[in-house]
N, C-alpha and C. Protein backbone atom coordinates (compact mmCIF):
# COMPACT_ATOMS: atom_id res chain seq x y z
N MET A 1 -34.24 -18.74 31.01
CA MET A 1 -34.24 -19.86 32.02
C MET A 1 -34.29 -19.10 33.02
N ALA A 2 -35.59 -18.34 33.57
CA ALA A 2 -35.51 -17.94 35.04
C ALA A 2 -35.17 -18.61 36.33
N ALA A 3 -36.20 -19.89 36.15
CA ALA A 3 -36.36 -20.60 37.40
C ALA A 3 -35.24 -21.53 37.50
N MET A 4 -34.03 -21.93 37.11
CA MET A 4 -33.00 -22.54 37.63
C MET A 4 -32.22 -23.07 39.09
N GLY A 5 -32.57 -23.86 39.59
CA GLY A 5 -31.82 -24.06 40.98
C GLY A 5 -32.61 -25.37 41.24
N GLU A 6 -33.02 -26.22 40.48
CA GLU A 6 -33.64 -27.40 41.60
C GLU A 6 -32.06 -28.68 41.49
N ILE A 7 -31.21 -28.15 40.74
CA ILE A 7 -29.86 -29.05 40.69
C ILE A 7 -28.96 -27.92 40.01
N ALA A 8 -28.21 -27.72 40.87
CA ALA A 8 -26.54 -26.97 40.37
C ALA A 8 -25.41 -27.40 40.83
N ILE A 9 -24.92 -27.60 39.55
CA ILE A 9 -23.65 -28.33 40.02
C ILE A 9 -22.18 -27.55 39.53
N LEU A 10 -21.19 -27.59 40.09
CA LEU A 10 -20.07 -26.66 39.41
C LEU A 10 -18.66 -27.78 40.16
N LEU A 11 -18.28 -28.23 39.16
CA LEU A 11 -16.75 -28.78 39.08
C LEU A 11 -15.34 -27.81 38.59
N GLN A 12 -14.59 -28.45 39.22
CA GLN A 12 -13.67 -27.48 38.59
C GLN A 12 -12.20 -28.16 38.88
N GLY A 13 -11.17 -28.37 37.89
CA GLY A 13 -10.00 -29.05 38.07
C GLY A 13 -8.67 -27.77 37.58
N HIS A 14 -7.38 -27.84 38.43
CA HIS A 14 -6.85 -27.32 38.39
C HIS A 14 -5.43 -27.62 38.62
N ASN A 15 -4.57 -27.84 37.05
CA ASN A 15 -3.09 -28.54 36.57
C ASN A 15 -2.33 -27.20 36.50
N ALA A 16 -1.60 -26.67 37.63
CA ALA A 16 -0.81 -25.49 37.86
C ALA A 16 0.54 -26.01 36.59
N GLU A 17 1.21 -27.12 36.75
CA GLU A 17 2.18 -27.63 35.93
C GLU A 17 1.83 -27.32 34.51
N ALA A 18 0.47 -28.03 33.87
CA ALA A 18 0.48 -27.90 32.78
C ALA A 18 -0.57 -26.26 32.29
N ASN A 19 -0.72 -25.65 32.87
CA ASN A 19 -1.52 -24.22 32.99
C ASN A 19 -2.71 -24.78 32.25
N ARG A 20 -3.15 -25.45 33.39
CA ARG A 20 -4.76 -26.30 32.87
C ARG A 20 -5.91 -25.76 33.70
N HIS A 21 -7.00 -25.22 33.52
CA HIS A 21 -7.62 -24.72 35.01
C HIS A 21 -9.02 -24.81 34.37
N ARG A 22 -9.67 -25.83 34.71
CA ARG A 22 -11.02 -26.08 33.56
C ARG A 22 -12.13 -26.02 34.66
N ALA A 23 -13.21 -25.97 34.00
CA ALA A 23 -14.65 -25.61 35.07
C ALA A 23 -15.56 -26.27 33.99
N TRP A 24 -16.67 -26.77 34.84
CA TRP A 24 -17.89 -27.46 34.17
C TRP A 24 -18.99 -27.16 34.92
N ARG A 25 -19.92 -26.82 34.97
CA ARG A 25 -21.41 -26.51 35.69
C ARG A 25 -22.49 -26.82 35.11
N VAL A 26 -23.39 -27.69 35.89
CA VAL A 26 -24.70 -27.85 34.74
C VAL A 26 -25.92 -27.83 36.06
N GLU A 27 -26.72 -26.97 35.73
CA GLU A 27 -28.03 -26.41 36.07
C GLU A 27 -29.43 -27.08 35.61
N ALA A 28 -30.15 -27.88 36.27
CA ALA A 28 -31.34 -28.01 35.52
C ALA A 28 -32.56 -27.87 36.61
N GLY A 29 -33.58 -27.49 36.23
CA GLY A 29 -34.75 -26.88 36.79
C GLY A 29 -36.08 -26.87 36.00
N ARG A 30 -37.05 -26.30 36.28
CA ARG A 30 -38.12 -26.21 35.48
C ARG A 30 -38.19 -24.49 35.05
N ASP A 31 -38.28 -23.93 33.69
CA ASP A 31 -38.46 -22.94 34.03
C ASP A 31 -39.47 -22.02 33.93
N LEU A 32 -40.17 -20.78 33.44
CA LEU A 32 -41.44 -20.76 33.38
C LEU A 32 -42.55 -20.87 32.81
N PHE A 33 -42.03 -21.68 32.11
CA PHE A 33 -43.38 -22.56 31.34
C PHE A 33 -43.37 -24.09 31.80
N GLU A 34 -42.98 -24.44 33.03
CA GLU A 34 -43.08 -25.32 33.68
C GLU A 34 -42.25 -26.80 32.76
N LYS A 35 -41.21 -26.38 32.04
CA LYS A 35 -40.53 -27.38 31.19
C LYS A 35 -39.33 -27.90 31.87
N TRP A 36 -38.82 -28.61 31.59
CA TRP A 36 -37.58 -29.24 32.75
C TRP A 36 -36.74 -28.72 31.82
N MET A 37 -35.50 -27.94 31.91
CA MET A 37 -34.55 -27.31 31.30
C MET A 37 -32.86 -28.02 31.93
N VAL A 38 -31.96 -28.06 31.21
CA VAL A 38 -30.47 -28.51 31.52
C VAL A 38 -29.70 -27.23 30.98
N ARG A 39 -28.94 -27.03 31.72
CA ARG A 39 -28.19 -25.58 30.88
C ARG A 39 -26.76 -26.01 32.02
N VAL A 40 -25.63 -26.35 30.12
CA VAL A 40 -24.29 -26.92 30.66
C VAL A 40 -23.28 -25.78 30.30
N SER A 41 -22.58 -25.43 31.15
CA SER A 41 -21.38 -24.15 30.65
C SER A 41 -20.11 -25.03 30.94
N PHE A 42 -18.80 -24.63 30.07
CA PHE A 42 -17.98 -25.36 30.34
C PHE A 42 -16.59 -24.47 29.77
N GLY A 43 -15.68 -24.82 30.05
CA GLY A 43 -14.46 -24.19 29.55
C GLY A 43 -13.17 -23.82 30.81
N ARG A 44 -11.90 -23.16 30.19
CA ARG A 44 -11.57 -22.90 30.86
C ARG A 44 -11.91 -21.68 31.88
N ILE A 45 -11.27 -21.12 33.28
CA ILE A 45 -11.58 -20.79 34.01
C ILE A 45 -11.11 -19.53 34.00
N GLY A 46 -11.61 -18.36 33.89
CA GLY A 46 -11.27 -17.08 33.22
C GLY A 46 -11.99 -16.53 32.28
N CYS A 47 -12.27 -17.05 31.42
CA CYS A 47 -12.97 -17.43 30.25
C CYS A 47 -13.99 -17.14 29.68
N ARG A 48 -14.63 -16.85 28.60
CA ARG A 48 -16.10 -16.52 28.44
C ARG A 48 -16.77 -18.72 28.55
N GLY A 49 -16.01 -19.46 28.13
CA GLY A 49 -16.31 -20.63 27.47
C GLY A 49 -17.69 -20.93 26.58
N ARG A 50 -18.41 -22.10 26.97
CA ARG A 50 -19.73 -22.44 26.22
C ARG A 50 -20.67 -22.75 27.30
N THR A 51 -21.17 -22.45 26.45
CA THR A 51 -22.85 -22.81 27.03
C THR A 51 -23.97 -23.25 26.04
N PHE A 52 -24.70 -24.65 26.80
CA PHE A 52 -25.86 -24.50 25.47
C PHE A 52 -26.65 -25.37 26.62
N ALA A 53 -28.11 -25.26 26.11
CA ALA A 53 -29.36 -25.47 26.78
C ALA A 53 -30.31 -26.62 26.09
N ARG A 54 -30.71 -27.50 27.19
CA ARG A 54 -31.54 -28.66 26.37
C ARG A 54 -32.62 -28.77 27.05
N GLU A 55 -33.99 -29.00 26.27
CA GLU A 55 -35.33 -28.99 27.12
C GLU A 55 -35.69 -30.26 27.23
N PHE A 56 -36.42 -31.15 28.27
CA PHE A 56 -36.79 -32.24 28.44
C PHE A 56 -38.15 -32.04 28.78
N THR A 57 -38.75 -33.44 28.50
CA THR A 57 -40.51 -33.18 28.55
C THR A 57 -40.65 -33.74 29.99
N SER A 58 -39.79 -34.60 31.12
CA SER A 58 -40.30 -34.90 32.22
C SER A 58 -38.89 -34.94 33.06
N GLU A 59 -38.92 -35.04 34.42
CA GLU A 59 -37.81 -34.87 35.32
C GLU A 59 -37.15 -35.86 35.15
N ASP A 60 -37.38 -37.07 34.97
CA ASP A 60 -36.71 -38.45 34.91
C ASP A 60 -35.78 -38.41 33.62
N GLU A 61 -36.00 -37.67 32.58
CA GLU A 61 -34.99 -37.16 31.85
C GLU A 61 -34.10 -36.49 31.73
N ALA A 62 -34.60 -34.97 32.38
CA ALA A 62 -33.57 -34.49 32.82
C ALA A 62 -32.46 -34.89 33.81
N HIS A 63 -32.81 -35.50 34.69
CA HIS A 63 -32.08 -36.22 35.77
C HIS A 63 -30.99 -37.24 35.29
N ALA A 64 -31.67 -37.90 34.18
CA ALA A 64 -30.79 -39.17 33.75
C ALA A 64 -29.46 -38.38 32.70
N TYR A 65 -30.19 -37.18 31.79
CA TYR A 65 -29.01 -36.52 30.86
C TYR A 65 -27.58 -35.67 31.63
N VAL A 66 -28.42 -35.25 33.16
CA VAL A 66 -27.31 -34.83 34.34
C VAL A 66 -26.59 -35.77 34.47
N ARG A 67 -27.32 -37.09 35.22
CA ARG A 67 -26.19 -38.38 35.32
C ARG A 67 -24.87 -38.49 34.19
N ASP A 68 -25.74 -38.74 33.35
CA ASP A 68 -25.03 -39.30 31.91
C ASP A 68 -23.73 -38.02 31.63
N GLY A 69 -23.74 -36.87 32.05
CA GLY A 69 -22.70 -35.92 31.65
C GLY A 69 -22.10 -35.69 32.72
N LEU A 70 -22.33 -36.09 34.14
CA LEU A 70 -21.19 -36.33 35.07
C LEU A 70 -20.41 -37.71 35.07
N ARG A 71 -20.99 -38.86 34.63
CA ARG A 71 -20.17 -39.90 34.40
C ARG A 71 -19.18 -39.86 32.83
N ARG A 72 -19.60 -39.04 32.50
CA ARG A 72 -18.97 -38.20 31.27
C ARG A 72 -17.54 -37.60 31.99
N ARG A 73 -17.88 -36.90 32.64
CA ARG A 73 -16.67 -35.41 33.54
C ARG A 73 -16.01 -36.73 34.39
N LYS A 74 -16.25 -37.88 34.83
CA LYS A 74 -15.73 -38.75 35.58
C LYS A 74 -14.17 -39.33 34.61
N GLY A 75 -14.44 -39.00 33.53
CA GLY A 75 -13.22 -39.45 32.61
C GLY A 75 -12.46 -38.40 31.85
N ALA A 76 -12.50 -37.35 32.70
CA ALA A 76 -11.91 -36.07 32.16
C ALA A 76 -10.74 -35.75 32.48
N ILE A 77 -9.93 -36.69 33.01
CA ILE A 77 -8.65 -36.83 33.39
C ILE A 77 -7.66 -37.10 31.93
N ARG A 78 -8.30 -38.08 31.49
CA ARG A 78 -7.56 -38.77 30.21
C ARG A 78 -7.69 -37.82 28.79
N ARG A 79 -9.12 -36.89 28.79
CA ARG A 79 -9.41 -35.89 27.55
C ARG A 79 -8.62 -34.73 27.84
N CYS A 80 -8.54 -34.17 29.26
CA CYS A 80 -8.02 -32.63 29.59
C CYS A 80 -6.80 -32.55 30.11
N GLY A 81 -6.15 -33.62 31.07
CA GLY A 81 -5.56 -33.83 32.26
C GLY A 81 -5.46 -33.05 33.19
N VAL A 82 -6.92 -32.78 33.43
CA VAL A 82 -7.38 -32.82 34.70
C VAL A 82 -8.39 -33.28 35.70
N GLU A 83 -8.26 -33.25 36.90
CA GLU A 83 -8.82 -34.43 37.87
C GLU A 83 -10.22 -33.36 37.98
């Protein structure tokens, strides 16, 4: 995935009292073969975390996937205790 860069979002949450430090990053753009790719990385800050990628046939599908991920992150307070 070389040509990522059309969308790049990094969200971080810190809760020192609970020792929770989380990050969520999403990148979306076209790869070298002109296919839309979305790469998501998440986990504890300072650790390796997890990364996965999905391929889409259109820009609209990729943007919808990113919007859905951002909507889910909005509820992260309930899941991991970090805003």
